[in-house]
């Protein structure tokens, strides 16, 4: 859509057709390209026109409403499968929780973007193959099974990205839009989740006042359908109304990036002072890696938000320094993993964590180099965005290796 807007800037009629064909997508794409075309008469016209529309909430078409309702009902049914068919919950949920929502959202974008039959067949084939495979793995708590269940959502998320990008899969801007969209959908989902929690607490409390216990009913039926509904509604509202949180997300990124930078610096100092290290403490190493993943996600989100805006020197420097500190954190984690491997040998967990950390380290170096150019040499943050999204398929490949290859390499242990 962004490329189409740019190519039809001097054709008002074509721009109007693009807008009427998909208003929410046009708004999102226009907001992304506006910094490039700011000042042109046609650009200012559309900026004012879309700004006037921003106060209203778009609830989409009746077909989309039907999809939302059917998706919520189907997701609730999937969540109730263990109870309906007397399946062991410890067997079902770890393997299948990713399939309750993610494939439904993928199907929505495949429908909206009118993917070709071949593309839909590939998405259905990979989803079906992984579903059969993950439920065929033996055991309940083997290391390879746990790793496969952890990495499977990332693989399904990658397929969601393919459906979201549609015919523009090769366009790095579209991939960056996908990262930005994930942040917006997450913000809306959290808000919906808070509202749903308050509604549940108030409802249960009111009925308890008249001595009508509805806790079991609420947990077994309302929550079973309500919990999957939260990400579905969050995704749908973010897609239909990109203006809802497009000012909130950049603020969150700008606030938390410097806070995270300061926290990490003091955390590394505290590690040195206290003598605590991840080399001999397995739980500490696990938390260390979770911290690393969280910081990486913040960098991705900040770059995705910042690349669509004018370059800010403070923001570029903050992200650059944050990436450098994260490289140090990653280096410590990798050295701790290698130390444990040299002492105790390879295991599925150590292999998966080492591979993931090495990939993140390479990615961090690429991002840091681009951020250095943005901070010192005044390059645009868009170049940083390219380095972020062009590397994402590497994570998808590694996730597939962990899900499909590692269990066989280690004998499903």
Protein backbone atom coordinates (compact mmCIF):
# COMPACT_ATOMS: atom_id res chain seq x y z
CA UNK A 1 0.00 0.00 0.00
CA UNK A 2 2.83 2.43 0.80
CA UNK A 3 4.42 1.90 -2.60
CA UNK A 4 1.05 2.41 -4.28
CA UNK A 5 0.48 5.68 -2.44
CA UNK A 6 3.91 6.97 -3.42
CA UNK A 7 3.50 5.95 -7.06
CA UNK A 8 0.06 7.60 -7.36
CA UNK A 9 0.80 10.90 -5.60
CA UNK A 10 0.08 12.86 -8.76
CA UNK A 11 -3.09 10.88 -9.47
CA UNK A 12 -5.80 11.99 -6.99
CA UNK A 13 -8.35 9.62 -8.51
CA UNK A 14 -6.15 6.59 -7.90
CA UNK A 15 -5.48 7.67 -4.32
CA UNK A 16 -9.22 7.94 -3.72
CA UNK A 17 -9.69 4.41 -5.09
CA UNK A 18 -6.99 3.08 -2.78
CA UNK A 19 -8.63 4.81 0.17
CA UNK A 20 -12.09 3.47 -0.55
CA UNK A 21 -10.78 -0.05 -1.16
CA UNK A 22 -9.27 -0.33 2.33
CA UNK A 23 -9.62 2.77 4.51
CA UNK A 24 -7.83 1.46 7.61
CA UNK A 25 -4.88 0.10 5.64
CA UNK A 26 -4.66 3.34 3.62
CA UNK A 27 -4.54 5.38 6.84
CA UNK A 28 -1.80 3.19 8.29
CA UNK A 29 0.27 3.28 5.09
CA UNK A 30 -0.18 7.03 4.62
CA UNK A 31 0.94 7.75 8.18
CA UNK A 32 4.07 5.68 7.52
CA UNK A 33 5.02 7.53 4.29
CA UNK A 34 3.88 11.01 5.33
CA UNK A 35 7.33 12.07 6.65
CA UNK A 36 8.74 11.41 3.15
CA UNK A 37 6.13 13.50 1.31
CA UNK A 38 5.42 16.16 3.91
CA UNK A 39 5.04 19.60 2.35
CA UNK A 40 3.52 18.47 -0.94
CA UNK A 41 0.04 19.85 -1.54
CA UNK A 42 -1.59 16.47 -2.12
CA UNK A 43 0.10 15.08 1.00
CA UNK A 44 -1.13 17.92 3.18
CA UNK A 45 -4.64 17.50 1.77
CA UNK A 46 -4.73 13.83 2.73
CA UNK A 47 -3.12 14.54 6.10
CA UNK A 48 -5.92 16.95 6.98
CA UNK A 49 -8.59 14.65 5.55
CA UNK A 50 -7.42 11.65 7.55
CA UNK A 51 -6.93 13.77 10.66
CA UNK A 52 -10.59 14.78 10.48
CA UNK A 53 -11.50 11.10 10.29
CA UNK A 54 -9.26 10.17 13.21
CA UNK A 55 -11.78 11.07 15.92
CA UNK A 56 -14.28 8.48 14.75
CA UNK A 57 -14.03 4.79 15.51
CA UNK A 58 -14.35 2.41 12.59
CA UNK A 59 -16.12 -0.81 13.47
CA UNK A 60 -15.57 -2.35 10.04
CA UNK A 61 -18.00 -4.13 7.79
CA UNK A 62 -20.68 -6.68 8.62
CA UNK A 63 -18.51 -9.42 7.12
CA UNK A 64 -15.70 -8.47 9.49
CA UNK A 65 -18.13 -8.45 12.42
CA UNK A 66 -19.23 -11.96 11.47
CA UNK A 67 -15.61 -13.08 11.30
CA UNK A 68 -14.88 -11.67 14.76
CA UNK A 69 -17.89 -13.44 16.28
CA UNK A 70 -17.13 -16.76 14.57
CA UNK A 71 -13.43 -16.51 15.48
CA UNK A 72 -14.24 -15.92 19.16
CA UNK A 73 -16.70 -18.82 19.23
CA UNK A 74 -14.26 -21.14 17.46
CA UNK A 75 -11.37 -20.09 19.72
CA UNK A 76 -13.55 -20.71 22.77
CA UNK A 77 -14.45 -24.15 21.43
CA UNK A 78 -10.76 -24.96 20.92
CA UNK A 79 -10.02 -23.85 24.48
CA UNK A 80 -12.78 -26.19 25.76
CA UNK A 81 -11.60 -29.26 23.82
CA UNK A 82 -9.95 -30.95 26.86
CA UNK A 83 -13.18 -30.64 28.84
CA UNK A 84 -15.47 -31.66 25.97
CA UNK A 85 -13.46 -34.68 24.84
CA UNK A 86 -11.88 -35.62 28.20
CA UNK A 87 -8.33 -34.93 27.02
CA UNK A 88 -5.50 -34.48 29.53
CA UNK A 89 -5.05 -30.73 29.99
CA UNK A 90 -1.32 -31.14 30.69
CA UNK A 91 -1.00 -32.82 27.30
CA UNK A 92 -3.29 -30.51 25.33
CA UNK A 93 -2.54 -26.94 26.38
CA UNK A 94 1.27 -26.84 26.18
CA UNK A 95 1.11 -28.29 22.66
CA UNK A 96 -1.93 -26.47 21.31
CA UNK A 97 -2.35 -23.14 23.07
CA UNK A 98 -0.67 -21.37 20.13
CA UNK A 99 -3.34 -22.72 17.77
CA UNK A 100 -6.27 -21.27 19.70
CA UNK A 101 -5.78 -17.70 18.39
CA UNK A 102 -2.80 -17.24 16.05
CA UNK A 103 -4.07 -19.28 13.05
CA UNK A 104 -7.42 -17.46 13.25
CA UNK A 105 -5.74 -14.06 13.05
CA UNK A 106 -3.56 -15.36 10.22
CA UNK A 107 -6.70 -16.48 8.38
CA UNK A 108 -8.20 -13.00 8.84
CA UNK A 109 -5.26 -11.26 7.15
CA UNK A 110 -5.05 -13.91 4.46
CA UNK A 111 -8.69 -13.10 3.66
CA UNK A 112 -8.30 -9.32 3.88
CA UNK A 113 -5.16 -9.26 1.73
CA UNK A 114 -6.63 -11.68 -0.81
CA UNK A 115 -3.68 -14.05 -0.78
CA UNK A 116 -3.31 -16.36 -3.73
CA UNK A 117 -4.49 -19.95 -3.49
CA UNK A 118 -0.87 -21.14 -3.46
CA UNK A 119 0.02 -18.82 -0.56
CA UNK A 120 -3.04 -19.94 1.42
CA UNK A 121 -2.21 -23.58 0.72
CA UNK A 122 1.33 -23.11 2.06
CA UNK A 123 0.06 -21.43 5.24
CA UNK A 124 -2.56 -24.14 5.79
CA UNK A 125 -0.03 -26.87 5.05
CA UNK A 126 2.58 -25.57 7.50
CA UNK A 127 -0.05 -25.00 10.19
CA UNK A 128 -1.53 -28.48 9.72
CA UNK A 129 1.88 -30.18 9.60
CA UNK A 130 3.09 -28.45 12.74
CA UNK A 131 -0.20 -29.24 14.52
CA UNK A 132 0.08 -32.95 13.77
CA UNK A 133 3.79 -32.97 14.57
CA UNK A 134 3.61 -31.23 17.95
CA UNK A 135 0.82 -33.53 19.10
CA UNK A 136 2.84 -36.55 17.98
CA UNK A 137 5.85 -35.77 20.18
CA UNK A 138 6.13 -38.27 23.04
CA UNK A 139 6.15 -37.43 26.73
CA UNK A 140 4.84 -34.52 28.75
CA UNK A 141 7.85 -32.68 30.16
CA UNK A 142 10.86 -33.65 28.06
CA UNK A 143 13.30 -30.86 27.28
CA UNK A 144 12.82 -31.12 23.53
CA UNK A 145 9.03 -31.00 23.90
CA UNK A 146 9.18 -27.91 26.12
CA UNK A 147 11.53 -26.19 23.67
CA UNK A 148 9.29 -27.07 20.73
CA UNK A 149 6.23 -25.70 22.55
CA UNK A 150 8.10 -22.47 23.40
CA UNK A 151 9.37 -21.87 19.84
CA UNK A 152 6.21 -22.95 18.01
CA UNK A 153 4.37 -19.63 18.70
CA UNK A 154 7.27 -17.77 17.08
CA UNK A 155 6.93 -19.95 13.98
CA UNK A 156 3.16 -19.32 13.84
CA UNK A 157 3.79 -15.62 14.41
CA UNK A 158 6.06 -15.67 11.36
CA UNK A 159 3.23 -17.09 9.27
CA UNK A 160 0.98 -14.34 10.62
CA UNK A 161 3.56 -11.86 9.32
CA UNK A 162 3.41 -13.50 5.89
CA UNK A 163 -0.39 -13.17 5.82
CA UNK A 164 -0.23 -9.57 7.08
CA UNK A 165 2.30 -8.55 4.42
CA UNK A 166 0.35 -10.26 1.65
CA UNK A 167 1.68 -9.57 -1.84
CA UNK A 168 4.17 -7.08 -0.36
CA UNK A 169 6.07 -9.70 1.63
CA UNK A 170 9.40 -8.66 0.12
CA UNK A 171 8.89 -5.01 1.06
CA UNK A 172 10.84 -4.20 4.23
CA UNK A 173 8.44 -1.34 5.00
CA UNK A 174 5.55 -3.78 5.17
CA UNK A 175 7.48 -5.96 7.61
CA UNK A 176 8.21 -2.90 9.71
CA UNK A 177 4.50 -2.07 9.62
CA UNK A 178 3.88 -5.57 10.95
CA UNK A 179 6.15 -4.97 13.95
CA UNK A 180 4.46 -1.64 14.58
CA UNK A 181 1.05 -3.27 14.26
CA UNK A 182 2.03 -5.90 16.85
CA UNK A 183 2.82 -3.16 19.34
CA UNK A 184 -0.48 -1.40 18.70
CA UNK A 185 -2.45 -4.64 18.95
CA UNK A 186 -0.65 -5.51 22.20
CA UNK A 187 -1.52 -2.12 23.74
CA UNK A 188 -5.20 -2.48 22.80
CA UNK A 189 -5.28 -6.11 24.00
CA UNK A 190 -3.88 -5.09 27.39
CA UNK A 191 -6.51 -2.36 27.73
CA UNK A 192 -9.28 -4.79 26.76
CA UNK A 193 -7.87 -7.33 29.20
CA UNK A 194 -7.90 -4.82 32.06
CA UNK A 195 -11.50 -3.87 31.25
CA UNK A 196 -12.49 -7.54 31.08
CA UNK A 197 -10.83 -8.24 34.45
CA UNK A 198 -12.68 -5.34 36.07
CA UNK A 199 -15.98 -6.48 34.55
CA UNK A 200 -15.41 -10.02 35.84
CA UNK A 201 -14.51 -8.83 39.34
CA UNK A 202 -17.52 -6.50 39.54
CA UNK A 203 -19.94 -9.12 38.18
CA UNK A 204 -18.76 -11.88 40.52
CA UNK A 205 -18.77 -9.42 43.43
CA UNK A 206 -22.31 -8.22 42.73
CA UNK A 207 -23.69 -11.76 42.50
CA UNK A 208 -21.88 -12.76 45.68
CA UNK A 209 -23.75 -9.97 47.49
CA UNK A 210 -27.03 -11.71 46.74
CA UNK A 211 -25.48 -15.13 47.55
CA UNK A 212 -25.54 -16.42 43.99
CA UNK A 213 -22.19 -18.15 43.34
CA UNK A 214 -21.28 -17.80 39.67
CA UNK A 215 -17.51 -18.30 39.97
CA UNK A 216 -17.50 -21.79 38.42
CA UNK A 217 -19.84 -20.80 35.61
CA UNK A 218 -17.78 -17.68 34.88
CA UNK A 219 -14.49 -19.61 34.85
CA UNK A 220 -15.76 -22.52 32.75
CA UNK A 221 -17.71 -20.63 30.12
CA UNK A 222 -17.28 -16.84 30.14
CA UNK A 223 -13.51 -16.90 30.71
CA UNK A 224 -13.03 -19.79 28.28
CA UNK A 225 -14.45 -17.68 25.46
CA UNK A 226 -13.41 -14.29 26.85
CA UNK A 227 -9.67 -14.91 27.13
CA UNK A 228 -9.18 -15.85 23.45
CA UNK A 229 -11.48 -12.95 22.53
CA UNK A 230 -9.03 -10.40 23.99
CA UNK A 231 -6.22 -10.76 21.38
CA UNK A 232 -8.78 -11.24 18.59
CA UNK A 233 -10.58 -7.99 19.46
CA UNK A 234 -7.29 -6.19 20.06
CA UNK A 235 -6.01 -7.24 16.65
CA UNK A 236 -9.23 -6.34 14.88
CA UNK A 237 -9.50 -2.89 16.49
CA UNK A 238 -5.84 -2.12 15.78
CA UNK A 239 -6.36 -3.11 12.15
CA UNK A 240 -9.58 -1.12 11.73
CA UNK A 241 -8.46 1.92 13.76
CA UNK A 242 -4.70 2.47 13.49
CA UNK A 243 -5.21 5.98 14.84
CA UNK A 244 -6.33 4.67 18.26
CA UNK A 245 -2.83 4.05 19.64
CA UNK A 246 -0.49 5.42 16.99
CA UNK A 247 0.40 8.26 19.35
CA UNK A 248 0.53 6.10 22.48
CA UNK A 249 2.99 3.52 21.15
CA UNK A 250 5.77 6.01 20.26
CA UNK A 251 5.40 7.61 23.70
CA UNK A 252 5.80 4.22 25.38
CA UNK A 253 8.89 3.49 23.30
CA UNK A 254 10.44 6.90 24.06
CA UNK A 255 9.78 6.63 27.80
CA UNK A 256 10.94 3.07 28.36
CA UNK A 257 14.03 3.06 26.11
CA UNK A 258 16.09 5.44 28.31
CA UNK A 259 14.67 3.87 31.48
CA UNK A 260 15.73 0.43 30.29
CA UNK A 261 19.18 1.76 29.38
CA UNK A 262 19.71 3.18 32.89
CA UNK A 263 18.35 0.03 34.50
CA UNK A 264 20.66 -2.24 32.50
CA UNK A 265 23.74 -0.18 33.36
CA UNK A 266 22.97 -0.29 37.06
CA UNK A 267 22.07 -3.98 36.79
CA UNK A 268 25.47 -4.83 35.30
CA UNK A 269 27.16 -2.80 38.04
CA UNK A 270 25.09 -4.64 40.66
CA UNK A 271 26.14 -8.00 39.20
CA UNK A 272 29.81 -7.02 39.53
CA UNK A 273 29.35 -5.70 43.08
CA UNK A 274 27.31 -8.62 44.44
CA UNK A 275 29.39 -11.27 42.70
CA UNK A 276 26.25 -12.91 41.35
CA UNK A 277 26.81 -14.45 37.94
CA UNK A 278 25.00 -16.71 35.46
CA UNK A 279 27.92 -19.12 35.15
CA UNK A 280 26.98 -21.39 38.04
CA UNK A 281 23.32 -20.51 38.58
CA UNK A 282 20.93 -22.04 36.04
CA UNK A 283 17.89 -20.02 37.16
CA UNK A 284 19.87 -16.78 37.04
CA UNK A 285 20.99 -17.61 33.49
CA UNK A 286 17.36 -18.25 32.52
CA UNK A 287 16.23 -14.89 33.94
CA UNK A 288 19.23 -13.25 32.28
CA UNK A 289 18.08 -14.54 28.90
CA UNK A 290 14.48 -13.47 29.53
CA UNK A 291 15.80 -9.98 30.29
CA UNK A 292 17.76 -10.07 27.03
CA UNK A 293 14.69 -11.07 25.00
CA UNK A 294 12.65 -8.29 26.62
CA UNK A 295 15.27 -5.65 25.80
CA UNK A 296 15.56 -6.93 22.23
CA UNK A 297 11.78 -6.65 21.86
CA UNK A 298 11.91 -3.07 23.18
CA UNK A 299 14.64 -2.17 20.66
CA UNK A 300 12.62 -3.71 17.81
CA UNK A 301 9.49 -1.87 18.89
CA UNK A 302 11.32 1.44 19.34
CA UNK A 303 12.94 1.18 15.91
CA UNK A 304 9.61 0.26 14.30
CA UNK A 305 7.95 3.30 15.86
CA UNK A 306 10.84 5.71 15.29
CA UNK A 307 11.53 4.80 11.67
CA UNK A 308 8.22 6.28 10.54
CA UNK A 309 8.99 9.62 12.18
CA UNK A 310 11.62 12.28 11.77
CA UNK A 311 15.04 11.37 13.06
CA UNK A 312 15.62 12.47 16.67
CA UNK A 313 19.23 12.71 17.87
CA UNK A 314 18.37 11.84 21.49
CA UNK A 315 16.30 8.82 20.46
CA UNK A 316 19.02 7.56 18.12
CA UNK A 317 21.70 7.90 20.78
CA UNK A 318 19.49 6.21 23.37
CA UNK A 319 18.84 3.22 21.13
CA UNK A 320 22.51 3.05 20.12
CA UNK A 321 23.70 2.97 23.74
CA UNK A 322 20.93 0.54 24.66
CA UNK A 323 22.02 -1.80 21.87
CA UNK A 324 25.66 -1.63 23.05
CA UNK A 325 24.70 -2.47 26.62
CA UNK A 326 22.49 -5.29 25.31
CA UNK A 327 25.47 -6.66 23.37
CA UNK A 328 27.38 -6.80 26.68
CA UNK A 329 24.46 -8.61 28.34
CA UNK A 330 24.25 -11.04 25.42
CA UNK A 331 28.02 -11.60 25.54
CA UNK A 332 27.82 -12.50 29.23
CA UNK A 333 24.94 -14.89 28.56
CA UNK A 334 26.79 -16.60 25.67
CA UNK A 335 29.97 -16.97 27.71
CA UNK A 336 27.93 -18.49 30.56
CA UNK A 337 26.27 -20.95 28.18
CA UNK A 338 29.60 -21.95 26.62
CA UNK A 339 31.03 -22.39 30.15
CA UNK A 340 28.19 -24.70 31.12
CA UNK A 341 28.55 -26.67 27.87
CA UNK A 342 32.29 -27.10 28.44
CA UNK A 343 31.62 -28.34 31.98
CA UNK A 344 28.49 -30.43 31.46
CA UNK A 345 28.19 -31.03 27.70
CA UNK A 346 25.46 -30.30 25.18
CA UNK A 347 21.79 -30.65 26.10
CA UNK A 348 18.69 -29.61 24.14
CA UNK A 349 18.24 -26.51 26.33
CA UNK A 350 21.86 -25.36 26.05
CA UNK A 351 21.89 -25.96 22.31
CA UNK A 352 18.69 -24.00 21.74
CA UNK A 353 19.70 -21.11 24.00
CA UNK A 354 23.22 -20.91 22.53
CA UNK A 355 21.87 -20.83 18.97
CA UNK A 356 19.26 -18.20 19.82
CA UNK A 357 21.76 -16.00 21.65
CA UNK A 358 24.29 -16.18 18.83
CA UNK A 359 21.63 -15.14 16.33
CA UNK A 360 20.59 -12.24 18.56
CA UNK A 361 24.23 -11.17 18.99
CA UNK A 362 24.75 -11.02 15.22
CA UNK A 363 21.50 -9.10 14.85
CA UNK A 364 22.48 -6.67 17.61
CA UNK A 365 25.78 -5.92 15.89
CA UNK A 366 23.93 -5.16 12.64
CA UNK A 367 21.42 -2.93 14.42
CA UNK A 368 24.13 -1.18 16.46
CA UNK A 369 26.10 -0.38 13.33
CA UNK A 370 23.07 1.24 11.72
CA UNK A 371 22.20 3.07 14.94
CA UNK A 372 25.76 4.38 15.08
CA UNK A 373 25.32 5.85 11.61
CA UNK A 374 21.98 7.34 12.66
CA UNK A 375 23.34 8.87 15.89
CA UNK A 376 26.77 10.00 14.71
CA UNK A 377 26.45 10.45 10.96
CA UNK A 378 22.84 11.69 10.99
CA UNK A 379 21.53 8.82 8.86
CA UNK A 380 17.79 8.08 8.87
CA UNK A 381 16.31 5.58 11.31
CA UNK A 382 14.67 3.91 8.33
CA UNK A 383 18.02 2.21 7.62
CA UNK A 384 17.88 0.75 11.12
CA UNK A 385 14.41 -0.53 10.39
CA UNK A 386 15.72 -2.37 7.36
CA UNK A 387 18.38 -4.12 9.45
CA UNK A 388 15.71 -5.17 11.96
CA UNK A 389 13.13 -6.66 9.62
CA UNK A 390 15.43 -8.23 7.03
CA UNK A 391 16.90 -10.46 9.75
CA UNK A 392 13.56 -11.66 11.10
CA UNK A 393 13.34 -14.71 8.76
CA UNK A 394 16.53 -16.01 10.41
CA UNK A 395 14.65 -16.32 13.70
CA UNK A 396 11.84 -18.14 11.92
CA UNK A 397 14.31 -20.66 10.46
CA UNK A 398 15.92 -21.21 13.85
CA UNK A 399 12.49 -21.71 15.44
CA UNK A 400 11.72 -24.36 12.82
CA UNK A 401 15.04 -26.07 13.63
CA UNK A 402 14.23 -26.13 17.35
CA UNK A 403 10.69 -27.39 16.75
CA UNK A 404 11.37 -30.03 14.09
CA UNK A 405 15.08 -30.94 14.20
CA UNK A 406 16.27 -30.73 17.80
CA UNK A 407 13.83 -33.36 19.13
CA UNK A 408 15.17 -35.89 16.62
CA UNK A 409 18.80 -34.95 17.26
CA UNK A 410 18.42 -35.55 20.98
CA UNK A 411 16.18 -38.61 20.70
CA UNK A 412 13.06 -36.75 21.93
CA UNK A 413 14.64 -36.47 25.38
